C-alpha atoms as a PDB file:
ATOM      1  CA  MET A   1      -6.686   9.221  -1.840  1.00  0.00           C
ATOM      2  CA  ASN A   2      -7.203   6.336  -0.143  1.00  0.00           C
ATOM      3  CA  ILE A   3      -3.424   4.523  -0.318  1.00  0.00           C
ATOM      4  CA  ALA A   4      -2.848   1.428   1.691  1.00  0.00           C
ATOM      5  CA  LEU A   5       0.686   0.317   2.442  1.00  0.00           C
ATOM      6  CA  ILE A   6       2.054  -3.018   2.980  1.00  0.00           C
ATOM      7  CA  ALA A   7       5.529  -4.345   2.832  1.00  0.00           C
ATOM      8  CA  HIS A   8       7.106  -8.173   3.549  1.00  0.00           C
ATOM      9  CA  ASP A   9       9.465  -8.110   6.957  1.00  0.00           C
ATOM     10  CA  GLU A  10      13.034  -7.656   4.221  1.00  0.00           C
ATOM     11  CA  LYS A  11      11.676  -5.019   2.265  1.00  0.00           C
ATOM     12  CA  LYS A  12       9.965  -2.473   5.839  1.00  0.00           C
ATOM     13  CA  GLU A  13      12.824  -0.449   5.979  1.00  0.00           C
ATOM     14  CA  LEU A  14      12.903   0.207   2.424  1.00  0.00           C
ATOM     15  CA  MET A  15       8.891   1.164   3.472  1.00  0.00           C
ATOM     16  CA  VAL A  16       9.793   3.983   5.865  1.00  0.00           C
ATOM     17  CA  GLN A  17      12.736   5.471   3.580  1.00  0.00           C
ATOM     18  CA  PHE A  18      10.100   5.859   0.562  1.00  0.00           C
ATOM     19  CA  CYS A  19       7.549   7.315   3.138  1.00  0.00           C
ATOM     20  CA  ILE A  20      10.104   9.431   5.438  1.00  0.00           C
ATOM     21  CA  ALA A  21      11.144  10.968   1.241  1.00  0.00           C
ATOM     22  CA  TYR A  22       7.402  10.947   0.169  1.00  0.00           C
ATOM     23  CA  CYS A  23       6.239  12.197   3.543  1.00  0.00           C
ATOM     24  CA  GLY A  24       4.618  15.343   2.233  1.00  0.00           C
ATOM     25  CA  ILE A  25       3.254  14.134  -0.755  1.00  0.00           C
ATOM     26  CA  LEU A  26       1.503  10.950   1.188  1.00  0.00           C
ATOM     27  CA  SER A  27       0.522  12.910   4.023  1.00  0.00           C
ATOM     28  CA  ARG A  28      -2.066  14.899   1.919  1.00  0.00           C
ATOM     29  CA  ASN A  29      -4.121  11.471   1.422  1.00  0.00           C
ATOM     30  CA  THR A  30      -5.146   9.233   3.610  1.00  0.00           C
ATOM     31  CA  LEU A  31      -2.975   5.815   4.299  1.00  0.00           C
ATOM     32  CA  CYS A  32      -3.683   2.077   6.275  1.00  0.00           C
ATOM     33  CA  ALA A  33      -1.379  -0.491   6.313  1.00  0.00           C
ATOM     34  CA  THR A  34      -1.295  -3.934   7.735  1.00  0.00           C
ATOM     35  CA  GLY A  35      -0.202  -3.381  11.374  1.00  0.00           C
ATOM     36  CA  THR A  36       3.734  -4.036  11.866  1.00  0.00           C
ATOM     37  CA  THR A  37       4.341  -2.268   8.461  1.00  0.00           C
ATOM     38  CA  GLY A  38       2.196   0.386   9.698  1.00  0.00           C
ATOM     39  CA  LYS A  39       3.133   1.131  12.832  1.00  0.00           C
ATOM     40  CA  ILE A  40       6.953   1.713  12.189  1.00  0.00           C
ATOM     41  CA  ILE A  41       6.013   3.887   9.230  1.00  0.00           C
ATOM     42  CA  SER A  42       3.769   6.155  11.827  1.00  0.00           C
ATOM     43  CA  GLU A  43       6.715   6.235  14.511  1.00  0.00           C
ATOM     44  CA  ALA A  44       9.079   6.813  11.748  1.00  0.00           C
ATOM     45  CA  THR A  45       7.389  10.186   9.991  1.00  0.00           C
ATOM     46  CA  GLY A  46       3.929  10.743  12.029  1.00  0.00           C
ATOM     47  CA  LEU A  47       2.252  10.075   9.268  1.00  0.00           C
ATOM     48  CA  ALA A  48      -1.857   9.397  10.975  1.00  0.00           C
ATOM     49  CA  ILE A  49      -1.583   5.778   9.182  1.00  0.00           C
ATOM     50  CA  GLN A  50      -5.354   3.122   9.753  1.00  0.00           C
ATOM     51  CA  LYS A  51      -4.029   0.409  11.094  1.00  0.00           C
ATOM     52  CA  PHE A  52      -5.606  -2.668   9.962  1.00  0.00           C
ATOM     53  CA  LEU A  53      -3.345  -6.435  11.615  1.00  0.00           C
ATOM     54  CA  SER A  54      -0.402  -8.225  10.808  1.00  0.00           C
ATOM     55  CA  GLY A  55      -0.077  -8.805   7.499  1.00  0.00           C
ATOM     56  CA  SER A  56      -0.264 -12.717   8.650  1.00  0.00           C
ATOM     57  CA  GLN A  57      -2.962 -12.084  10.509  1.00  0.00           C
ATOM     58  CA  GLY A  58      -5.204 -11.115   8.593  1.00  0.00           C
ATOM     59  CA  GLY A  59      -4.541  -7.368   7.274  1.00  0.00           C
ATOM     60  CA  SER A  60      -3.805  -8.474   3.614  1.00  0.00           C
ATOM     61  CA  GLN A  61      -7.353 -10.444   3.686  1.00  0.00           C
ATOM     62  CA  GLN A  62      -8.340  -6.297   5.191  1.00  0.00           C
ATOM     63  CA  ILE A  63      -7.622  -4.685   2.566  1.00  0.00           C
ATOM     64  CA  SER A  64      -8.101  -6.818  -0.189  1.00  0.00           C
ATOM     65  CA  ALA A  65     -11.836  -6.346   1.867  1.00  0.00           C
ATOM     66  CA  ARG A  66     -11.734  -3.062   1.335  1.00  0.00           C
ATOM     67  CA  ILE A  67     -10.318  -2.981  -2.342  1.00  0.00           C
ATOM     68  CA  ALA A  68     -13.078  -5.375  -3.163  1.00  0.00           C
ATOM     69  CA  CYS A  69     -15.875  -2.681  -1.494  1.00  0.00           C
ATOM     70  CA  ASN A  70     -13.422  -0.310  -4.340  1.00  0.00           C
ATOM     71  CA  GLU A  71     -12.622   1.757  -0.878  1.00  0.00           C
ATOM     72  CA  ILE A  72      -9.368   1.660  -1.861  1.00  0.00           C
ATOM     73  CA  ASP A  73      -7.065   3.540  -4.749  1.00  0.00           C
ATOM     74  CA  MET A  74      -3.594   2.483  -4.676  1.00  0.00           C
ATOM     75  CA  LEU A  75      -1.473  -0.117  -3.227  1.00  0.00           C
ATOM     76  CA  LEU A  76       2.259   0.091  -2.254  1.00  0.00           C
ATOM     77  CA  PHE A  77       3.073  -3.324  -1.220  1.00  0.00           C
ATOM     78  CA  PHE A  78       7.327  -3.722  -1.540  1.00  0.00           C
ATOM     79  CA  ARG A  79       7.006  -7.479  -1.634  1.00  0.00           C
ATOM     80  CA  ASP A  80      10.159  -9.358  -1.219  1.00  0.00           C
ATOM     81  CA  PRO A  81       9.874 -11.756  -4.264  1.00  0.00           C
ATOM     82  CA  LEU A  82      13.108 -14.261  -3.568  1.00  0.00           C
ATOM     83  CA  ASN A  83      11.307 -15.826  -0.102  1.00  0.00           C
ATOM     84  CA  SER A  84       8.055 -17.620  -0.494  1.00  0.00           C
ATOM     85  CA  LYS A  85       5.713 -16.544   2.751  1.00  0.00           C
ATOM     86  CA  PRO A  86       3.112 -19.546   3.842  1.00  0.00           C
ATOM     87  CA  ASN A  87       0.280 -16.260   2.895  1.00  0.00           C
ATOM     88  CA  GLU A  88       1.572 -15.719  -0.640  1.00  0.00           C
ATOM     89  CA  PRO A  89      -1.832 -16.773  -1.732  1.00  0.00           C
ATOM     90  CA  ASN A  90      -4.099 -14.798   0.285  1.00  0.00           C
ATOM     91  CA  ASP A  91      -0.967 -12.144  -1.272  1.00  0.00           C
ATOM     92  CA  ILE A  92      -2.033 -13.041  -5.011  1.00  0.00           C
ATOM     93  CA  ASN A  93      -5.261 -12.466  -4.115  1.00  0.00           C
ATOM     94  CA  LEU A  94      -5.136  -8.970  -3.255  1.00  0.00           C
ATOM     95  CA  LEU A  95      -2.910  -9.196  -6.727  1.00  0.00           C
ATOM     96  CA  ARG A  96      -5.759  -9.746  -8.646  1.00  0.00           C
ATOM     97  CA  LEU A  97      -8.268  -7.853  -7.263  1.00  0.00           C
ATOM     98  CA  CYS A  98      -5.915  -4.767  -8.032  1.00  0.00           C
ATOM     99  CA  ASP A  99      -6.514  -5.538 -11.388  1.00  0.00           C
ATOM    100  CA  MET A 100      -9.956  -6.604 -11.457  1.00  0.00           C
ATOM    101  CA  HIS A 101     -11.103  -3.485 -10.230  1.00  0.00           C
ATOM    102  CA  ASN A 102      -8.231  -1.440 -11.933  1.00  0.00           C
ATOM    103  CA  ILE A 103      -6.262   0.437  -8.990  1.00  0.00           C
ATOM    104  CA  PRO A 104      -2.866   0.682  -9.243  1.00  0.00           C
ATOM    105  CA  VAL A 105      -0.266  -1.178  -8.059  1.00  0.00           C
ATOM    106  CA  ALA A 106       3.362  -1.416  -6.770  1.00  0.00           C
ATOM    107  CA  THR A 107       5.502  -3.566  -5.988  1.00  0.00           C
ATOM    108  CA  ASN A 108       8.890  -2.577  -5.883  1.00  0.00           C
ATOM    109  CA  ILE A 109      10.019   1.441  -5.087  1.00  0.00           C
ATOM    110  CA  ALA A 110      10.648   1.863  -8.912  1.00  0.00           C
ATOM    111  CA  THR A 111       7.486   0.829  -9.715  1.00  0.00           C
ATOM    112  CA  ALA A 112       6.170   3.635  -6.313  1.00  0.00           C
ATOM    113  CA  GLU A 113       8.431   6.071  -7.302  1.00  0.00           C
ATOM    114  CA  VAL A 114       6.314   6.367 -10.541  1.00  0.00           C
ATOM    115  CA  LEU A 115       3.337   6.575  -8.709  1.00  0.00           C
ATOM    116  CA  ILE A 116       3.660   8.187  -6.025  1.00  0.00           C
ATOM    117  CA  HIS A 117       4.929  11.608  -8.559  1.00  0.00           C
ATOM    118  CA  GLY A 118       1.774   9.973 -10.821  1.00  0.00           C
ATOM    119  CA  LEU A 119      -0.145  11.315  -8.130  1.00  0.00           C
ATOM    120  CA  GLU A 120       1.522  14.220  -7.219  1.00  0.00           C
ATOM    121  CA  ARG A 121       0.765  15.570 -10.996  1.00  0.00           C
ATOM    122  CA  GLY A 122      -2.560  14.438 -10.913  1.00  0.00           C
ATOM    123  CA  ASP A 123      -2.390  11.729 -12.763  1.00  0.00           C
ATOM    124  CA  LEU A 124      -4.580   9.658 -11.112  1.00  0.00           C
ATOM    125  CA  ASP A 125      -7.331  11.176 -10.029  1.00  0.00           C
ATOM    126  CA  TRP A 126      -9.440   9.736 -12.569  1.00  0.00           C
ATOM    127  CA  ARG A 127      -9.960   7.165  -9.395  1.00  0.00           C
ATOM    128  CA  ASN A 128     -11.868  10.228  -8.016  1.00  0.00           C
ATOM    129  CA  ILE A 129     -14.447   9.787 -11.188  1.00  0.00           C
ATOM    130  CA  LEU A 130     -14.945   5.942 -11.453  1.00  0.00           C
ATOM    131  CA  LYS A 131     -17.358   6.934  -7.507  1.00  0.00           C
END
């Protein structure tokens, strides 16, 4: 599975802790991330991650393009709901594309845990059938 990882600045440490906890599962998949998020996760876990530009410089849009081409199977996007972001329209477009292409999305750690356990059980294998 191709999994994209994005985290707002206020959620990056939470994303790192999540990836440490589920390193075994994540290591069996292909990972990509926005630049800074990918860098800190890779440094903390040793996971191989394809890094795009940082989110504010177009990394989220690069991931959006991969979603539009059906090249992403799951998005873990830890968002900060309390502070508005200047690139929020891009975030909304990213989520819209996931809805259009039936990409499972987690925007918080609770949903991410559900998705990662479902991935481990094989609940998301239907994504491979679609391809």
